[in-house]
C-alpha atoms as a PDB file:
ATOM      1  CA  MET A   1       5.922 -19.420 -22.487  1.00  0.00           C
ATOM      2  CA  GLN A   2       8.587 -21.045 -20.380  1.00  0.00           C
ATOM      3  CA  GLU A   3       7.689 -24.454 -18.824  1.00  0.00           C
ATOM      4  CA  LEU A   4       7.671 -24.622 -15.175  1.00  0.00           C
ATOM      5  CA  ASN A   5       8.434 -27.887 -13.317  1.00  0.00           C
ATOM      6  CA  ASP A   6       6.509 -28.504  -9.642  1.00  0.00           C
ATOM      7  CA  SER A   7       9.623 -27.218  -8.430  1.00  0.00           C
ATOM      8  CA  PHE A   8      12.815 -25.821  -9.793  1.00  0.00           C
ATOM      9  CA  THR A   9      15.674 -23.305  -9.554  1.00  0.00           C
ATOM     10  CA  ASN A  10      16.098 -21.004 -12.560  1.00  0.00           C
ATOM     11  CA  ASP A  11      19.212 -18.752 -12.511  1.00  0.00           C
ATOM     12  CA  SER A  12      18.349 -16.437  -9.715  1.00  0.00           C
ATOM     13  CA  PHE A  13      14.572 -17.193  -9.464  1.00  0.00           C
ATOM     14  CA  ILE A  14      13.643 -20.047  -6.958  1.00  0.00           C
ATOM     15  CA  SER A  15      10.183 -21.311  -7.850  1.00  0.00           C
ATOM     16  CA  GLU A  16       7.566 -23.816  -7.122  1.00  0.00           C
ATOM     17  CA  GLY A  17       5.348 -24.674  -9.471  1.00  0.00           C
ATOM     18  CA  THR A  18       4.389 -21.429 -10.886  1.00  0.00           C
ATOM     19  CA  ILE A  19       4.970 -19.401  -7.632  1.00  0.00           C
ATOM     20  CA  LEU A  20       8.059 -17.281  -7.234  1.00  0.00           C
ATOM     21  CA  VAL A  21       9.162 -18.117  -3.919  1.00  0.00           C
ATOM     22  CA  LYS A  22      12.493 -15.922  -3.674  1.00  0.00           C
ATOM     23  CA  TYR A  23      14.842 -14.075  -5.722  1.00  0.00           C
ATOM     24  CA  THR A  24      18.585 -14.594  -4.657  1.00  0.00           C
ATOM     25  CA  GLY A  25      20.306 -12.590  -7.792  1.00  0.00           C
ATOM     26  CA  SER A  26      22.314  -9.495  -7.943  1.00  0.00           C
ATOM     27  CA  ASP A  27      20.625  -8.143 -11.014  1.00  0.00           C
ATOM     28  CA  GLU A  28      18.951  -4.762  -9.701  1.00  0.00           C
ATOM     29  CA  ALA A  29      16.868  -5.053 -12.992  1.00  0.00           C
ATOM     30  CA  PRO A  30      15.884  -8.614 -13.309  1.00  0.00           C
ATOM     31  CA  VAL A  31      12.808 -10.015 -15.574  1.00  0.00           C
ATOM     32  CA  ILE A  32      10.822 -12.164 -14.166  1.00  0.00           C
ATOM     33  CA  PRO A  33      10.294 -15.537 -16.001  1.00  0.00           C
ATOM     34  CA  GLU A  34       7.403 -16.104 -18.289  1.00  0.00           C
ATOM     35  CA  GLY A  35       5.230 -18.901 -16.744  1.00  0.00           C
ATOM     36  CA  ILE A  36       5.472 -17.309 -13.147  1.00  0.00           C
ATOM     37  CA  THR A  37       1.674 -16.626 -11.839  1.00  0.00           C
ATOM     38  CA  VAL A  38       2.530 -15.768  -8.483  1.00  0.00           C
ATOM     39  CA  ILE A  39       5.147 -13.876  -6.781  1.00  0.00           C
ATOM     40  CA  GLY A  40       5.171 -15.184  -3.226  1.00  0.00           C
ATOM     41  CA  LYS A  41       5.432 -13.810   0.392  1.00  0.00           C
ATOM     42  CA  ALA A  42       8.586 -11.620   0.535  1.00  0.00           C
ATOM     43  CA  ALA A  43      10.002 -13.154  -2.555  1.00  0.00           C
ATOM     44  CA  PHE A  44      12.125  -9.778  -3.098  1.00  0.00           C
ATOM     45  CA  TYR A  45      12.332  -8.673   0.368  1.00  0.00           C
ATOM     46  CA  GLY A  46      15.198  -6.078   1.109  1.00  0.00           C
ATOM     47  CA  VAL A  47      16.753  -6.930  -2.487  1.00  0.00           C
ATOM     48  CA  LYS A  48      18.931  -4.070  -4.058  1.00  0.00           C
ATOM     49  CA  LEU A  49      16.161  -3.424  -6.762  1.00  0.00           C
ATOM     50  CA  HIS A  50      15.972  -0.693  -8.875  1.00  0.00           C
ATOM     51  CA  SER A  51      13.586  -2.025 -11.422  1.00  0.00           C
ATOM     52  CA  ILE A  52      11.583  -5.148 -12.218  1.00  0.00           C
ATOM     53  CA  VAL A  53       9.850  -6.671 -15.209  1.00  0.00           C
ATOM     54  CA  ILE A  54       6.835  -8.545 -14.254  1.00  0.00           C
ATOM     55  CA  PRO A  55       5.319 -11.048 -16.667  1.00  0.00           C
ATOM     56  CA  LYS A  56       1.714 -10.532 -18.228  1.00  0.00           C
ATOM     57  CA  GLY A  57       0.501 -13.658 -16.896  1.00  0.00           C
ATOM     58  CA  LEU A  58       0.759 -12.580 -13.167  1.00  0.00           C
ATOM     59  CA  VAL A  59      -2.360 -13.179 -11.051  1.00  0.00           C
ATOM     60  CA  GLY A  60      -1.227 -12.622  -7.745  1.00  0.00           C
ATOM     61  CA  ILE A  61       1.440 -10.458  -5.269  1.00  0.00           C
ATOM     62  CA  GLY A  62       2.245 -11.762  -1.874  1.00  0.00           C
ATOM     63  CA  GLU A  63       2.691  -9.951   1.498  1.00  0.00           C
ATOM     64  CA  TYR A  64       5.865  -7.663   1.541  1.00  0.00           C
ATOM     65  CA  ALA A  65       6.737  -9.137  -1.938  1.00  0.00           C
ATOM     66  CA  PHE A  66       8.689  -6.002  -2.776  1.00  0.00           C
ATOM     67  CA  ALA A  67       9.095  -4.556   0.457  1.00  0.00           C
ATOM     68  CA  PHE A  68      12.290  -2.298   1.462  1.00  0.00           C
ATOM     69  CA  THR A  69      13.571  -2.721  -2.195  1.00  0.00           C
ATOM     70  CA  LYS A  70      14.941   0.354  -4.117  1.00  0.00           C
ATOM     71  CA  LEU A  71      12.214   0.296  -6.444  1.00  0.00           C
ATOM     72  CA  THR A  72      10.642   3.776  -7.549  1.00  0.00           C
ATOM     73  CA  THR A  73       7.799   2.655 -10.033  1.00  0.00           C
ATOM     74  CA  VAL A  74       5.612  -0.538 -10.199  1.00  0.00           C
ATOM     75  CA  SER A  75       3.218  -1.444 -13.106  1.00  0.00           C
ATOM     76  CA  ILE A  76       0.943  -3.990 -11.925  1.00  0.00           C
ATOM     77  CA  PRO A  77      -0.475  -6.251 -15.221  1.00  0.00           C
ATOM     78  CA  ALA A  78      -4.070  -6.565 -16.125  1.00  0.00           C
ATOM     79  CA  GLY A  79      -4.469 -10.451 -14.341  1.00  0.00           C
ATOM     80  CA  VAL A  80      -3.354  -9.622 -10.866  1.00  0.00           C
ATOM     81  CA  THR A  81      -6.405  -9.870  -8.882  1.00  0.00           C
ATOM     82  CA  ALA A  82      -4.711 -10.285  -5.493  1.00  0.00           C
ATOM     83  CA  ILE A  83      -1.887  -8.243  -3.323  1.00  0.00           C
ATOM     84  CA  GLY A  84      -0.911  -8.826  -0.286  1.00  0.00           C
ATOM     85  CA  GLU A  85      -0.327  -6.490   2.836  1.00  0.00           C
ATOM     86  CA  GLY A  86       2.943  -4.734   2.632  1.00  0.00           C
ATOM     87  CA  ALA A  87       3.498  -5.676  -0.987  1.00  0.00           C
ATOM     88  CA  PHE A  88       4.850  -2.183  -1.770  1.00  0.00           C
ATOM     89  CA  ALA A  89       6.053  -1.025   1.476  1.00  0.00           C
ATOM     90  CA  ILE A  90       8.922   0.733  -0.304  1.00  0.00           C
ATOM     91  CA  LYS A  91      10.240   4.235   0.921  1.00  0.00           C
ATOM     92  CA  SER A  92      11.702   4.853  -2.701  1.00  0.00           C
ATOM     93  CA  LEU A  93       8.543   4.163  -4.379  1.00  0.00           C
ATOM     94  CA  VAL A  94       7.115   7.544  -5.970  1.00  0.00           C
ATOM     95  CA  ALA A  95       4.002   5.766  -8.340  1.00  0.00           C
ATOM     96  CA  ILE A  96       1.960   2.598  -8.864  1.00  0.00           C
ATOM     97  CA  THR A  97       0.511   2.465 -12.407  1.00  0.00           C
ATOM     98  CA  VAL A  98      -2.281  -0.748 -13.144  1.00  0.00           C
ATOM     99  CA  ASP A  99      -3.046  -1.807 -16.682  1.00  0.00           C
ATOM    100  CA  GLN A 100      -6.496  -0.368 -17.808  1.00  0.00           C
ATOM    101  CA  GLY A 101      -7.877  -3.856 -18.224  1.00  0.00           C
ATOM    102  CA  ASN A 102      -7.179  -5.105 -14.687  1.00  0.00           C
ATOM    103  CA  PRO A 103     -10.724  -5.883 -13.095  1.00  0.00           C
ATOM    104  CA  CYS A 104      -9.902  -5.589  -9.563  1.00  0.00           C
ATOM    105  CA  PHE A 105      -7.431  -2.625  -9.123  1.00  0.00           C
ATOM    106  CA  THR A 106      -6.805   0.707 -10.713  1.00  0.00           C
ATOM    107  CA  SER A 107      -4.398   3.784 -10.173  1.00  0.00           C
ATOM    108  CA  ALA A 108      -5.079   7.525  -9.755  1.00  0.00           C
ATOM    109  CA  ASP A 109      -2.023   9.806  -9.813  1.00  0.00           C
ATOM    110  CA  GLY A 110       0.231   7.389  -8.677  1.00  0.00           C
ATOM    111  CA  VAL A 111      -1.966   6.128  -5.886  1.00  0.00           C
ATOM    112  CA  LEU A 112      -3.037   2.283  -5.916  1.00  0.00           C
ATOM    113  CA  PHE A 113      -7.045   1.774  -5.290  1.00  0.00           C
ATOM    114  CA  ASP A 114      -9.596  -0.886  -5.693  1.00  0.00           C
ATOM    115  CA  LYS A 115     -11.363  -0.872  -9.102  1.00  0.00           C
ATOM    116  CA  SER A 116     -14.314   0.954  -7.810  1.00  0.00           C
ATOM    117  CA  LEU A 117     -12.134   3.521  -6.115  1.00  0.00           C
ATOM    118  CA  GLN A 118     -13.691   3.076  -2.889  1.00  0.00           C
ATOM    119  CA  THR A 119     -10.784   1.570  -1.003  1.00  0.00           C
ATOM    120  CA  LEU A 120      -7.233   3.311  -1.151  1.00  0.00           C
ATOM    121  CA  ILE A 121      -4.682   0.637  -0.816  1.00  0.00           C
ATOM    122  CA  THR A 122      -1.535   2.345  -0.888  1.00  0.00           C
ATOM    123  CA  TYR A 123      -0.261   6.074  -1.245  1.00  0.00           C
ATOM    124  CA  PRO A 124       3.468   5.451  -2.017  1.00  0.00           C
ATOM    125  CA  ARG A 125       5.837   6.295   0.392  1.00  0.00           C
ATOM    126  CA  GLY A 126       8.292   8.327  -1.722  1.00  0.00           C
ATOM    127  CA  LYS A 127       5.620  10.114  -3.544  1.00  0.00           C
ATOM    128  CA  LEU A 128       6.902  14.055  -2.762  1.00  0.00           C
ATOM    129  CA  ASP A 129       3.089  15.548  -2.597  1.00  0.00           C
ATOM    130  CA  THR A 130       2.838  16.535   1.106  1.00  0.00           C
ATOM    131  CA  GLN A 131      -1.073  17.411   0.718  1.00  0.00           C
ATOM    132  CA  TYR A 132      -3.420  15.022  -0.717  1.00  0.00           C
ATOM    133  CA  THR A 133      -7.476  15.311  -1.298  1.00  0.00           C
ATOM    134  CA  ILE A 134      -8.998  11.820  -0.817  1.00  0.00           C
ATOM    135  CA  PRO A 135     -11.538  11.187  -3.526  1.00  0.00           C
ATOM    136  CA  SER A 136     -15.256  12.025  -2.785  1.00  0.00           C
ATOM    137  CA  CYS A 137     -16.227   8.440  -3.661  1.00  0.00           C
ATOM    138  CA  LEU A 138     -13.742   6.600  -1.121  1.00  0.00           C
ATOM    139  CA  ARG A 139     -15.479   4.538   1.511  1.00  0.00           C
ATOM    140  CA  PHE A 140     -12.218   3.018   3.249  1.00  0.00           C
ATOM    141  CA  ILE A 141      -8.675   3.719   3.843  1.00  0.00           C
ATOM    142  CA  GLU A 142      -6.785   0.136   4.214  1.00  0.00           C
ATOM    143  CA  ASP A 143      -4.344  -0.713   6.662  1.00  0.00           C
ATOM    144  CA  ASN A 144      -0.988   0.755   6.233  1.00  0.00           C
ATOM    145  CA  ALA A 145      -2.254   2.683   3.369  1.00  0.00           C
ATOM    146  CA  PHE A 146      -0.175   6.061   4.176  1.00  0.00           C
ATOM    147  CA  ALA A 147       2.272   4.583   6.779  1.00  0.00           C
ATOM    148  CA  GLU A 148       5.558   6.363   6.826  1.00  0.00           C
ATOM    149  CA  THR A 149       4.537   8.323   3.955  1.00  0.00           C
ATOM    150  CA  LEU A 150       5.654  12.064   3.483  1.00  0.00           C
ATOM    151  CA  ILE A 151       2.056  13.227   3.777  1.00  0.00           C
ATOM    152  CA  ARG A 152       1.759  16.463   6.164  1.00  0.00           C
ATOM    153  CA  SER A 153      -1.915  17.416   5.226  1.00  0.00           C
ATOM    154  CA  VAL A 154      -4.756  15.364   4.223  1.00  0.00           C
ATOM    155  CA  SER A 155      -8.312  16.119   3.427  1.00  0.00           C
ATOM    156  CA  ILE A 156     -10.719  13.504   4.281  1.00  0.00           C
ATOM    157  CA  PRO A 157     -14.432  13.375   2.778  1.00  0.00           C
ATOM    158  CA  ARG A 158     -17.855  12.841   3.932  1.00  0.00           C
ATOM    159  CA  GLY A 159     -19.021   9.605   3.049  1.00  0.00           C
ATOM    160  CA  LEU A 160     -15.477   7.636   4.376  1.00  0.00           C
ATOM    161  CA  GLY A 161     -16.833   4.778   6.401  1.00  0.00           C
ATOM    162  CA  ALA A 162     -13.878   3.661   8.200  1.00  0.00           C
ATOM    163  CA  ILE A 163      -9.871   3.945   8.485  1.00  0.00           C
ATOM    164  CA  GLY A 164      -7.853   0.843   8.756  1.00  0.00           C
ATOM    165  CA  ASN A 165      -4.661  -0.021  11.151  1.00  0.00           C
ATOM    166  CA  TYR A 166      -1.762   1.781  10.743  1.00  0.00           C
ATOM    167  CA  ALA A 167      -3.290   3.936   8.302  1.00  0.00           C
ATOM    168  CA  PHE A 168      -1.453   7.126   8.713  1.00  0.00           C
ATOM    169  CA  ALA A 169       1.396   5.962  11.310  1.00  0.00           C
ATOM    170  CA  HIS A 170       4.684   7.420  11.152  1.00  0.00           C
ATOM    171  CA  THR A 171       3.693  10.460   9.140  1.00  0.00           C
ATOM    172  CA  ALA A 172       4.055  14.088   9.667  1.00  0.00           C
ATOM    173  CA  LEU A 173       0.545  15.120   9.975  1.00  0.00           C
ATOM    174  CA  THR A 174      -0.138  18.192  11.834  1.00  0.00           C
ATOM    175  CA  SER A 175      -4.016  17.993  12.201  1.00  0.00           C
ATOM    176  CA  VAL A 176      -7.022  15.909  11.098  1.00  0.00           C
ATOM    177  CA  SER A 177     -10.284  16.566  10.733  1.00  0.00           C
ATOM    178  CA  ILE A 178     -12.420  13.389  10.648  1.00  0.00           C
ATOM    179  CA  PRO A 179     -16.320  13.405   9.343  1.00  0.00           C
ATOM    180  CA  SER A 180     -19.191  11.887  11.314  1.00  0.00           C
ATOM    181  CA  SER A 181     -19.349   9.071   8.400  1.00  0.00           C
ATOM    182  CA  VAL A 182     -16.329   7.511   9.895  1.00  0.00           C
ATOM    183  CA  SER A 183     -17.563   4.777  12.050  1.00  0.00           C
ATOM    184  CA  LYS A 184     -14.159   2.912  13.195  1.00  0.00           C
ATOM    185  CA  ILE A 185     -10.544   4.128  13.552  1.00  0.00           C
ATOM    186  CA  GLY A 186      -8.454   1.084  13.655  1.00  0.00           C
ATOM    187  CA  THR A 187      -5.542   0.551  16.080  1.00  0.00           C
ATOM    188  CA  HIS A 188      -2.491   2.470  15.642  1.00  0.00           C
ATOM    189  CA  ALA A 189      -4.095   4.454  12.934  1.00  0.00           C
ATOM    190  CA  PHE A 190      -2.500   7.803  13.757  1.00  0.00           C
ATOM    191  CA  ALA A 191       0.344   6.508  16.008  1.00  0.00           C
ATOM    192  CA  PHE A 192       3.654   7.788  15.824  1.00  0.00           C
ATOM    193  CA  CYS A 193       2.608  11.131  14.097  1.00  0.00           C
ATOM    194  CA  GLU A 194       5.064  13.395  16.196  1.00  0.00           C
ATOM    195  CA  GLN A 195       3.675  16.522  14.738  1.00  0.00           C
ATOM    196  CA  LEU A 196       0.159  15.737  15.329  1.00  0.00           C
ATOM    197  CA  ASN A 197      -1.303  18.115  17.709  1.00  0.00           C
ATOM    198  CA  LYS A 198      -5.186  18.350  16.774  1.00  0.00           C
ATOM    199  CA  VAL A 199      -7.763  16.131  15.532  1.00  0.00           C
ATOM    200  CA  GLU A 200     -11.471  16.946  15.433  1.00  0.00           C
ATOM    201  CA  LEU A 201     -13.880  13.929  15.319  1.00  0.00           C
ATOM    202  CA  PHE A 202     -17.267  13.040  16.305  1.00  0.00           C
ATOM    203  CA  ARG A 203     -18.174  11.128  19.643  1.00  0.00           C
ATOM    204  CA  ILE A 204     -20.190   8.202  17.708  1.00  0.00           C
ATOM    205  CA  THR A 205     -16.981   7.212  15.929  1.00  0.00           C
ATOM    206  CA  LYS A 206     -15.542   4.054  17.642  1.00  0.00           C
ATOM    207  CA  VAL A 207     -11.565   4.695  18.179  1.00  0.00           C
ATOM    208  CA  HIS A 208      -9.550   2.011  19.053  1.00  0.00           C
ATOM    209  CA  ARG A 209      -7.708   2.807  22.164  1.00  0.00           C
ATOM    210  CA  ASP A 210      -4.083   2.570  20.857  1.00  0.00           C
ATOM    211  CA  ALA A 211      -5.324   4.658  17.733  1.00  0.00           C
ATOM    212  CA  PHE A 212      -2.942   7.816  18.489  1.00  0.00           C
ATOM    213  CA  ILE A 213      -0.440   6.391  20.616  1.00  0.00           C
ATOM    214  CA  ALA A 214       2.818   8.204  20.724  1.00  0.00           C
ATOM    215  CA  SER A 215       1.176  11.213  19.008  1.00  0.00           C
ATOM    216  CA  PRO A 216       1.099  14.564  20.868  1.00  0.00           C
ATOM    217  CA  VAL A 217      -2.642  15.096  19.884  1.00  0.00           C
ATOM    218  CA  GLN A 218      -5.543  16.751  21.545  1.00  0.00           C
ATOM    219  CA  LEU A 219      -8.900  15.143  20.443  1.00  0.00           C
ATOM    220  CA  ARG A 220     -11.546  17.439  19.870  1.00  0.00           C
ATOM    221  CA  TYR A 221     -14.890  15.992  20.209  1.00  0.00           C
ATOM    222  CA  ARG A 222     -18.175  17.217  18.348  1.00  0.00           C
ATOM    223  CA  ASP A 223     -21.648  15.692  18.704  1.00  0.00           C
END
């Protein structure tokens, strides 16, 4: 394993200790050095990156770490226990895979979940499927989980507890049926969905006032 100093620059990888702070190179398929344990916030943000080799010793991926790159797939090692918001906000991304030995995360059909399959974290923005049936065991849809994806139709299961902020923002959804088990819908959850014209939900659901902003929706309440 490569020794890392408290702060160093190794070719195109700028690091502080074992944290990769920034990638400054032009290689579109870089190999992150062994010894790096954390990919810092926005470390590869906007880089013209088509593939990446992540070291097995990695434990954390920071906010927006790979956002706006050109990655099509990402493989998460067994040791990663923390993934920041927007880490995989990538329009070209079609699938996320997770090492089976990872204790915190898993993937199903390229979609990222927590290990228990109760929280949906990221539906890849480049995934070509336009219809999706959410697993019946799911309890929470994470912030930005489906934002800017190609989803046009989604089946939400009974038992889902909450829908996070911006969860379905900027999608092509046309209609949604929200079960009575959903107690909360976050801010901008269905915002900027230009084709969303019908939403059925129950009056007991707590809906943020900006949940459907800029969407031409008619809310249909059920008691």
